[in-house]
Amino acid sequence: CLFTLRQVSAAYRRARRWIERITGACFILFGAKLATEP
């Protein structure tokens, strides 16, 4: 598995917070777009 590699796992752990922020912002923007469409 890709995440069994120690370096990849460490890099993901460092970037996880930013990944979650970016995906959360995308979901919020998509939801706002759907809410404002007629």
N, C-alpha and C. Protein backbone atom coordinates (compact mmCIF):
# COMPACT_ATOMS: atom_id res chain seq x y z
N CYS A 1 0.85 -1.18 0.00
CA CYS A 1 0.00 0.00 0.00
C CYS A 1 0.90 1.25 0.00
N LEU A 2 0.40 2.29 -0.61
CA LEU A 2 1.18 3.52 -0.74
C LEU A 2 1.48 4.15 0.62
N PHE A 3 0.51 4.10 1.55
CA PHE A 3 0.67 4.76 2.84
C PHE A 3 1.54 3.98 3.82
N THR A 4 1.98 2.78 3.44
CA THR A 4 2.87 2.04 4.32
C THR A 4 4.30 2.58 4.24
N LEU A 5 4.60 3.33 3.20
CA LEU A 5 5.93 3.93 3.11
C LEU A 5 6.04 5.05 4.14
N ARG A 6 7.09 5.01 4.92
CA ARG A 6 7.24 5.96 6.02
C ARG A 6 7.30 7.41 5.54
N GLN A 7 8.02 7.67 4.45
CA GLN A 7 8.15 9.04 3.96
C GLN A 7 6.82 9.58 3.44
N VAL A 8 6.08 8.74 2.71
CA VAL A 8 4.79 9.17 2.18
C VAL A 8 3.82 9.42 3.33
N SER A 9 3.84 8.56 4.32
CA SER A 9 2.96 8.72 5.47
C SER A 9 3.28 10.00 6.24
N ALA A 10 4.55 10.30 6.42
CA ALA A 10 4.95 11.52 7.12
C ALA A 10 4.55 12.76 6.33
N ALA A 11 4.72 12.73 5.03
CA ALA A 11 4.34 13.87 4.19
C ALA A 11 2.83 14.08 4.24
N TYR A 12 2.06 13.01 4.20
CA TYR A 12 0.61 13.13 4.28
C TYR A 12 0.19 13.71 5.63
N ARG A 13 0.83 13.25 6.70
CA ARG A 13 0.49 13.76 8.03
C ARG A 13 0.75 15.26 8.12
N ARG A 14 1.85 15.72 7.50
CA ARG A 14 2.15 17.16 7.52
C ARG A 14 1.14 17.94 6.70
N ALA A 15 0.70 17.40 5.56
CA ALA A 15 -0.17 18.13 4.65
C ALA A 15 -1.65 17.91 4.92
N ARG A 16 -1.98 16.99 5.82
CA ARG A 16 -3.39 16.61 6.02
C ARG A 16 -4.28 17.79 6.38
N ARG A 17 -3.82 18.67 7.26
CA ARG A 17 -4.65 19.81 7.68
C ARG A 17 -4.98 20.71 6.50
N TRP A 18 -3.98 20.99 5.65
CA TRP A 18 -4.22 21.85 4.49
C TRP A 18 -5.10 21.15 3.47
N ILE A 19 -4.92 19.84 3.29
CA ILE A 19 -5.77 19.09 2.37
C ILE A 19 -7.22 19.17 2.82
N GLU A 20 -7.45 19.00 4.13
CA GLU A 20 -8.81 19.07 4.66
C GLU A 20 -9.39 20.47 4.52
N ARG A 21 -8.59 21.50 4.71
CA ARG A 21 -9.08 22.87 4.55
C ARG A 21 -9.49 23.14 3.11
N ILE A 22 -8.66 22.72 2.17
CA ILE A 22 -8.94 22.97 0.76
C ILE A 22 -10.19 22.22 0.31
N THR A 23 -10.30 20.95 0.69
CA THR A 23 -11.49 20.19 0.30
C THR A 23 -12.74 20.75 0.99
N GLY A 24 -12.62 21.17 2.23
CA GLY A 24 -13.76 21.78 2.92
C GLY A 24 -14.21 23.06 2.23
N ALA A 25 -13.27 23.89 1.81
CA ALA A 25 -13.62 25.12 1.10
C ALA A 25 -14.31 24.81 -0.22
N CYS A 26 -13.85 23.78 -0.92
CA CYS A 26 -14.48 23.39 -2.19
C CYS A 26 -15.92 22.94 -1.95
N PHE A 27 -16.14 22.14 -0.90
CA PHE A 27 -17.51 21.70 -0.59
C PHE A 27 -18.40 22.88 -0.23
N ILE A 28 -17.88 23.84 0.53
CA ILE A 28 -18.67 25.02 0.91
C ILE A 28 -19.02 25.84 -0.32
N LEU A 29 -18.05 26.05 -1.21
CA LEU A 29 -18.33 26.82 -2.42
C LEU A 29 -19.33 26.11 -3.32
N PHE A 30 -19.19 24.80 -3.45
CA PHE A 30 -20.12 24.02 -4.27
C PHE A 30 -21.52 24.08 -3.67
N GLY A 31 -21.63 23.95 -2.36
CA GLY A 31 -22.93 24.03 -1.70
C GLY A 31 -23.55 25.40 -1.85
N ALA A 32 -22.75 26.46 -1.74
CA ALA A 32 -23.26 27.82 -1.92
C ALA A 32 -23.74 28.02 -3.35
N LYS A 33 -23.02 27.48 -4.30
CA LYS A 33 -23.43 27.59 -5.71
C LYS A 33 -24.77 26.90 -5.93
N LEU A 34 -24.91 25.70 -5.37
CA LEU A 34 -26.18 24.98 -5.50
C LEU A 34 -27.31 25.72 -4.80
N ALA A 35 -27.04 26.32 -3.65
CA ALA A 35 -28.07 27.02 -2.89
C ALA A 35 -28.54 28.29 -3.59
N THR A 36 -27.67 28.92 -4.38
CA THR A 36 -28.04 30.17 -5.03
C THR A 36 -28.62 29.96 -6.42
N GLU A 37 -28.54 28.75 -6.95
CA GLU A 37 -29.15 28.50 -8.26
C GLU A 37 -30.66 28.40 -8.11
N PRO A 38 -31.41 28.89 -9.10
CA PRO A 38 -32.88 28.82 -9.03
C PRO A 38 -33.41 27.40 -9.14
